[in-house]
Amino acid sequence: MINVPGCPPIADVMTGVVTHVLVLGRGPELDGLGRPREFYSRRVHDTCYRRAYYDAGLFVESWDDEKARKGYCLYKMGCRGPVTYNACSVTKWNGGVSYPIQSGHGCIGCSEAGFWDNEPFYQHLASFPGFGIENTADSIGTVLGVGAVAGVAAHAITTNIRKKNLIEQERSGDEPTSKRDEPGT
């Protein structure tokens, strides 16, 4: 038995599975849910054109807001793409024209086990949206910048203290006490 789930299943996926059976005389390699791996081995999220916005922590907050018009990630609107394995964002519907996310609606996870029957599946995902790459990079850059300035300041202070000690020793006529106290070491 070959499971080709979807709401509705993508016509090209159905055609691909039937063609595979007719041409090769056997079914395609299946995943744990009996779905053809060729079409159900990648998360919708991994091939979604909105993924960069997810990684950057840029999300639609309400339907038809400015962020929605800019095409930001639909995760906060309930998109199930991060946990759904399907060919939607690659194969698309209607001869490759579009798929729900491209049309402005989040993935509903229609190819996953318990899609209609398992109500907890519809609950919003745990809070792990995006990495906030821009925010993270800014924070790391700020910390590194402050650290570099602190390092330069510490080096300058230490160098000036050592030079001051050497100058005082030269004025008093004393020899440097160790090789490391000599200038240039």
C-alpha atoms as a PDB file:
ATOM      1  CA  MET A   1       0.000   0.000   0.000  1.00  0.00           C
ATOM      2  CA  ILE A   2       1.325   3.451  -0.946  1.00  0.00           C
ATOM      3  CA  ASN A   3       0.074   6.411   1.065  1.00  0.00           C
ATOM      4  CA  VAL A   4      -0.166   9.661  -0.957  1.00  0.00           C
ATOM      5  CA  PRO A   5      -1.623  12.130   1.561  1.00  0.00           C
ATOM      6  CA  GLY A   6      -2.543  15.738   0.988  1.00  0.00           C
ATOM      7  CA  CYS A   7      -5.486  18.078   1.040  1.00  0.00           C
ATOM      8  CA  PRO A   8      -5.756  17.362  -1.823  1.00  0.00           C
ATOM      9  CA  PRO A   9      -2.788  15.233  -2.844  1.00  0.00           C
ATOM     10  CA  ILE A  10      -0.704  16.985  -5.500  1.00  0.00           C
ATOM     11  CA  ALA A  11      -1.667  15.686  -8.957  1.00  0.00           C
ATOM     12  CA  ASP A  12       1.973  15.495 -10.075  1.00  0.00           C
ATOM     13  CA  VAL A  13       2.795  13.366  -7.025  1.00  0.00           C
ATOM     14  CA  MET A  14      -0.062  10.971  -7.812  1.00  0.00           C
ATOM     15  CA  THR A  15       1.085  10.802 -11.448  1.00  0.00           C
ATOM     16  CA  GLY A  16       4.694  10.230 -10.373  1.00  0.00           C
ATOM     17  CA  VAL A  17       3.742   7.330  -8.090  1.00  0.00           C
ATOM     18  CA  VAL A  18       1.513   5.653 -10.718  1.00  0.00           C
ATOM     19  CA  THR A  19       4.195   6.128 -13.397  1.00  0.00           C
ATOM     20  CA  HIS A  20       6.834   4.646 -11.083  1.00  0.00           C
ATOM     21  CA  VAL A  21       4.713   1.523 -10.531  1.00  0.00           C
ATOM     22  CA  LEU A  22       3.840   1.141 -14.239  1.00  0.00           C
ATOM     23  CA  VAL A  23       7.368   1.694 -15.552  1.00  0.00           C
ATOM     24  CA  LEU A  24       9.368  -0.171 -12.898  1.00  0.00           C
ATOM     25  CA  GLY A  25       6.780  -2.749 -11.901  1.00  0.00           C
ATOM     26  CA  ARG A  26       7.186  -2.015  -8.208  1.00  0.00           C
ATOM     27  CA  GLY A  27       6.320   0.665  -5.722  1.00  0.00           C
ATOM     28  CA  PRO A  28       8.704   3.483  -4.791  1.00  0.00           C
ATOM     29  CA  GLU A  29      10.766   3.523  -1.593  1.00  0.00           C
ATOM     30  CA  LEU A  30       8.462   4.481   1.296  1.00  0.00           C
ATOM     31  CA  ASP A  31       8.949   6.317   4.595  1.00  0.00           C
ATOM     32  CA  GLY A  32       7.615   5.174   7.982  1.00  0.00           C
ATOM     33  CA  LEU A  33       4.112   6.401   7.133  1.00  0.00           C
ATOM     34  CA  GLY A  34       4.021   4.564   3.811  1.00  0.00           C
ATOM     35  CA  ARG A  35       4.599   7.739   1.774  1.00  0.00           C
ATOM     36  CA  PRO A  36       6.934   7.789  -1.252  1.00  0.00           C
ATOM     37  CA  ARG A  37      10.275   9.189  -0.049  1.00  0.00           C
ATOM     38  CA  GLU A  38      10.783  10.938  -3.359  1.00  0.00           C
ATOM     39  CA  PHE A  39       7.963  13.347  -2.520  1.00  0.00           C
ATOM     40  CA  TYR A  40       7.711  13.202   1.287  1.00  0.00           C
ATOM     41  CA  SER A  41      11.318  13.261   2.511  1.00  0.00           C
ATOM     42  CA  ARG A  42      11.753  17.046   2.880  1.00  0.00           C
ATOM     43  CA  ARG A  43       9.991  19.386   5.244  1.00  0.00           C
ATOM     44  CA  VAL A  44       7.884  22.050   3.563  1.00  0.00           C
ATOM     45  CA  HIS A  45       9.800  24.496   5.758  1.00  0.00           C
ATOM     46  CA  ASP A  46      13.196  23.539   4.300  1.00  0.00           C
ATOM     47  CA  THR A  47      12.220  24.420   0.741  1.00  0.00           C
ATOM     48  CA  CYS A  48       9.870  27.321   1.500  1.00  0.00           C
ATOM     49  CA  TYR A  49      10.764  30.623  -0.124  1.00  0.00           C
ATOM     50  CA  ARG A  50       9.811  32.350   3.161  1.00  0.00           C
ATOM     51  CA  ARG A  51      12.440  30.360   5.115  1.00  0.00           C
ATOM     52  CA  ALA A  52      14.944  33.223   5.110  1.00  0.00           C
ATOM     53  CA  TYR A  53      12.404  35.362   6.985  1.00  0.00           C
ATOM     54  CA  TYR A  54      11.951  32.583   9.548  1.00  0.00           C
ATOM     55  CA  ASP A  55      15.710  32.393  10.089  1.00  0.00           C
ATOM     56  CA  ALA A  56      15.848  36.171  10.440  1.00  0.00           C
ATOM     57  CA  GLY A  57      12.997  36.177  12.981  1.00  0.00           C
ATOM     58  CA  LEU A  58      10.662  38.169  10.701  1.00  0.00           C
ATOM     59  CA  PHE A  59       7.059  36.977  11.017  1.00  0.00           C
ATOM     60  CA  VAL A  60       3.553  37.936   9.953  1.00  0.00           C
ATOM     61  CA  GLU A  61       1.733  39.058  13.119  1.00  0.00           C
ATOM     62  CA  SER A  62      -1.806  39.298  11.707  1.00  0.00           C
ATOM     63  CA  TRP A  63      -3.431  38.539   8.376  1.00  0.00           C
ATOM     64  CA  ASP A  64      -3.035  41.317   5.849  1.00  0.00           C
ATOM     65  CA  ASP A  65      -0.599  43.369   7.892  1.00  0.00           C
ATOM     66  CA  GLU A  66       2.397  45.041   6.263  1.00  0.00           C
ATOM     67  CA  LYS A  67       4.581  42.043   7.105  1.00  0.00           C
ATOM     68  CA  ALA A  68       2.175  39.726   5.277  1.00  0.00           C
ATOM     69  CA  ARG A  69       2.335  41.965   2.217  1.00  0.00           C
ATOM     70  CA  LYS A  70       6.147  41.789   2.358  1.00  0.00           C
ATOM     71  CA  GLY A  71       5.979  37.971   2.352  1.00  0.00           C
ATOM     72  CA  TYR A  72       7.380  37.359   5.848  1.00  0.00           C
ATOM     73  CA  CYS A  73       7.191  33.915   7.473  1.00  0.00           C
ATOM     74  CA  LEU A  74       3.731  32.616   8.426  1.00  0.00           C
ATOM     75  CA  TYR A  75       4.907  30.550  11.418  1.00  0.00           C
ATOM     76  CA  LYS A  76       3.204  32.751  14.017  1.00  0.00           C
ATOM     77  CA  MET A  77      -0.026  32.458  12.050  1.00  0.00           C
ATOM     78  CA  GLY A  78      -0.009  28.694  12.632  1.00  0.00           C
ATOM     79  CA  CYS A  79       2.056  27.461   9.693  1.00  0.00           C
ATOM     80  CA  ARG A  80       2.906  23.768  10.149  1.00  0.00           C
ATOM     81  CA  GLY A  81       5.701  23.754   7.549  1.00  0.00           C
ATOM     82  CA  PRO A  82       8.460  23.107  10.124  1.00  0.00           C
ATOM     83  CA  VAL A  83       6.910  19.711  11.013  1.00  0.00           C
ATOM     84  CA  THR A  84       5.322  18.703   7.697  1.00  0.00           C
ATOM     85  CA  TYR A  85       6.952  16.501   5.073  1.00  0.00           C
ATOM     86  CA  ASN A  86       5.532  17.109   1.598  1.00  0.00           C
ATOM     87  CA  ALA A  87       6.513  18.262  -1.884  1.00  0.00           C
ATOM     88  CA  CYS A  88       4.269  21.360  -1.811  1.00  0.00           C
ATOM     89  CA  SER A  89       6.930  24.023  -2.024  1.00  0.00           C
ATOM     90  CA  VAL A  90       8.837  22.174  -4.756  1.00  0.00           C
ATOM     91  CA  THR A  91       6.155  20.540  -6.931  1.00  0.00           C
ATOM     92  CA  LYS A  92       3.256  22.925  -6.184  1.00  0.00           C
ATOM     93  CA  TRP A  93      -0.295  22.592  -7.539  1.00  0.00           C
ATOM     94  CA  ASN A  94      -1.896  23.455 -10.867  1.00  0.00           C
ATOM     95  CA  GLY A  95       1.069  22.596 -13.013  1.00  0.00           C
ATOM     96  CA  GLY A  96       3.594  24.166 -10.639  1.00  0.00           C
ATOM     97  CA  VAL A  97       1.759  27.484 -10.284  1.00  0.00           C
ATOM     98  CA  SER A  98       1.406  27.861  -6.521  1.00  0.00           C
ATOM     99  CA  TYR A  99       0.956  26.254  -3.095  1.00  0.00           C
ATOM    100  CA  PRO A 100      -0.788  27.458   0.115  1.00  0.00           C
ATOM    101  CA  ILE A 101       2.166  29.387   1.571  1.00  0.00           C
ATOM    102  CA  GLN A 102       2.780  31.157  -1.740  1.00  0.00           C
ATOM    103  CA  SER A 103      -0.907  32.067  -1.734  1.00  0.00           C
ATOM    104  CA  GLY A 104      -0.578  33.653   1.716  1.00  0.00           C
ATOM    105  CA  HIS A 105      -1.856  30.789   3.892  1.00  0.00           C
ATOM    106  CA  GLY A 106       0.315  28.760   6.237  1.00  0.00           C
ATOM    107  CA  CYS A 107       0.865  25.036   5.797  1.00  0.00           C
ATOM    108  CA  ILE A 108      -1.867  22.995   7.522  1.00  0.00           C
ATOM    109  CA  GLY A 109       0.186  19.800   7.747  1.00  0.00           C
ATOM    110  CA  CYS A 110      -2.179  17.776   5.599  1.00  0.00           C
ATOM    111  CA  SER A 111       0.343  15.040   4.797  1.00  0.00           C
ATOM    112  CA  GLU A 112       1.128  14.167   8.408  1.00  0.00           C
ATOM    113  CA  ALA A 113      -0.311  11.352  10.510  1.00  0.00           C
ATOM    114  CA  GLY A 114      -3.516  12.289  12.335  1.00  0.00           C
ATOM    115  CA  PHE A 115      -4.156  15.335  10.160  1.00  0.00           C
ATOM    116  CA  TRP A 116      -7.945  15.347  10.641  1.00  0.00           C
ATOM    117  CA  ASP A 117      -8.276  13.135  13.690  1.00  0.00           C
ATOM    118  CA  ASN A 118      -5.583  14.354  16.050  1.00  0.00           C
ATOM    119  CA  GLU A 119      -6.650  17.694  17.523  1.00  0.00           C
ATOM    120  CA  PRO A 120      -3.349  18.339  19.371  1.00  0.00           C
ATOM    121  CA  PHE A 121      -1.711  18.373  15.943  1.00  0.00           C
ATOM    122  CA  TYR A 122      -3.487  21.667  15.279  1.00  0.00           C
ATOM    123  CA  GLN A 123      -2.204  23.322  18.411  1.00  0.00           C
ATOM    124  CA  HIS A 124       0.487  25.863  17.694  1.00  0.00           C
ATOM    125  CA  LEU A 125       4.003  24.532  17.669  1.00  0.00           C
ATOM    126  CA  ALA A 126       6.334  25.017  20.599  1.00  0.00           C
ATOM    127  CA  SER A 127       7.933  28.422  20.573  1.00  0.00           C
ATOM    128  CA  PHE A 128      11.095  28.033  18.502  1.00  0.00           C
ATOM    129  CA  PRO A 129      10.543  30.618  15.784  1.00  0.00           C
ATOM    130  CA  GLY A 130      13.611  31.558  13.862  1.00  0.00           C
ATOM    131  CA  PHE A 131      17.064  32.219  15.029  1.00  0.00           C
ATOM    132  CA  GLY A 132      16.807  35.993  14.622  1.00  0.00           C
ATOM    133  CA  ILE A 133      19.975  35.957  12.561  1.00  0.00           C
ATOM    134  CA  GLU A 134      20.152  39.727  12.180  1.00  0.00           C
ATOM    135  CA  ASN A 135      19.524  40.296  15.880  1.00  0.00           C
ATOM    136  CA  THR A 136      21.987  37.590  16.845  1.00  0.00           C
ATOM    137  CA  ALA A 137      24.656  38.928  14.488  1.00  0.00           C
ATOM    138  CA  ASP A 138      24.163  42.447  15.845  1.00  0.00           C
ATOM    139  CA  SER A 139      24.423  41.192  19.435  1.00  0.00           C
ATOM    140  CA  ILE A 140      27.517  39.110  18.724  1.00  0.00           C
ATOM    141  CA  GLY A 141      29.087  41.990  16.802  1.00  0.00           C
ATOM    142  CA  THR A 142      28.417  44.381  19.669  1.00  0.00           C
ATOM    143  CA  VAL A 143      29.901  41.988  22.231  1.00  0.00           C
ATOM    144  CA  LEU A 144      32.966  41.353  20.054  1.00  0.00           C
ATOM    145  CA  GLY A 145      33.386  45.075  19.417  1.00  0.00           C
ATOM    146  CA  VAL A 146      33.178  45.907  23.110  1.00  0.00           C
ATOM    147  CA  GLY A 147      35.582  43.045  23.861  1.00  0.00           C
ATOM    148  CA  ALA A 148      38.069  44.316  21.258  1.00  0.00           C
ATOM    149  CA  VAL A 149      37.916  47.857  22.637  1.00  0.00           C
ATOM    150  CA  ALA A 150      38.369  46.522  26.177  1.00  0.00           C
ATOM    151  CA  GLY A 151      41.357  44.446  25.021  1.00  0.00           C
ATOM    152  CA  VAL A 152      42.981  47.418  23.295  1.00  0.00           C
ATOM    153  CA  ALA A 153      42.371  49.598  26.354  1.00  0.00           C
ATOM    154  CA  ALA A 154      43.827  46.959  28.710  1.00  0.00           C
ATOM    155  CA  HIS A 155      46.882  46.587  26.465  1.00  0.00           C
ATOM    156  CA  ALA A 156      47.384  50.368  26.305  1.00  0.00           C
ATOM    157  CA  ILE A 157      47.087  50.738  30.071  1.00  0.00           C
ATOM    158  CA  THR A 158      49.481  47.869  30.756  1.00  0.00           C
ATOM    159  CA  THR A 159      52.006  49.166  28.215  1.00  0.00           C
ATOM    160  CA  ASN A 160      51.902  52.670  29.661  1.00  0.00           C
ATOM    161  CA  ILE A 161      52.364  51.371  33.212  1.00  0.00           C
ATOM    162  CA  ARG A 162      55.390  49.321  32.118  1.00  0.00           C
ATOM    163  CA  LYS A 163      56.862  52.308  30.242  1.00  0.00           C
ATOM    164  CA  LYS A 164      56.288  54.567  33.234  1.00  0.00           C
ATOM    165  CA  ASN A 165      58.123  52.093  35.473  1.00  0.00           C
ATOM    166  CA  LEU A 166      61.031  51.903  33.003  1.00  0.00           C
ATOM    167  CA  ILE A 167      61.264  55.692  32.740  1.00  0.00           C
ATOM    168  CA  GLU A 168      61.290  56.016  36.541  1.00  0.00           C
ATOM    169  CA  GLN A 169      64.008  53.363  36.778  1.00  0.00           C
ATOM    170  CA  GLU A 170      66.139  55.162  34.162  1.00  0.00           C
ATOM    171  CA  ARG A 171      65.782  58.492  35.997  1.00  0.00           C
ATOM    172  CA  SER A 172      66.846  56.928  39.256  1.00  0.00           C
ATOM    173  CA  GLY A 173      69.795  55.238  37.530  1.00  0.00           C
ATOM    174  CA  ASP A 174      68.689  51.701  38.342  1.00  0.00           C
ATOM    175  CA  GLU A 175      69.172  48.866  35.902  1.00  0.00           C
ATOM    176  CA  PRO A 176      66.055  46.951  34.798  1.00  0.00           C
ATOM    177  CA  THR A 177      65.419  44.136  37.259  1.00  0.00           C
ATOM    178  CA  SER A 178      64.721  41.553  34.616  1.00  0.00           C
ATOM    179  CA  LYS A 179      64.923  41.013  30.907  1.00  0.00           C
ATOM    180  CA  ARG A 180      61.134  41.399  30.573  1.00  0.00           C
ATOM    181  CA  ASP A 181      61.291  44.969  31.949  1.00  0.00           C
ATOM    182  CA  GLU A 182      63.501  46.094  29.096  1.00  0.00           C
ATOM    183  CA  PRO A 183      61.843  48.063  26.292  1.00  0.00           C
ATOM    184  CA  GLY A 184      60.793  46.026  23.272  1.00  0.00           C
ATOM    185  CA  THR A 185      60.255  42.744  25.137  1.00  0.00           C
END
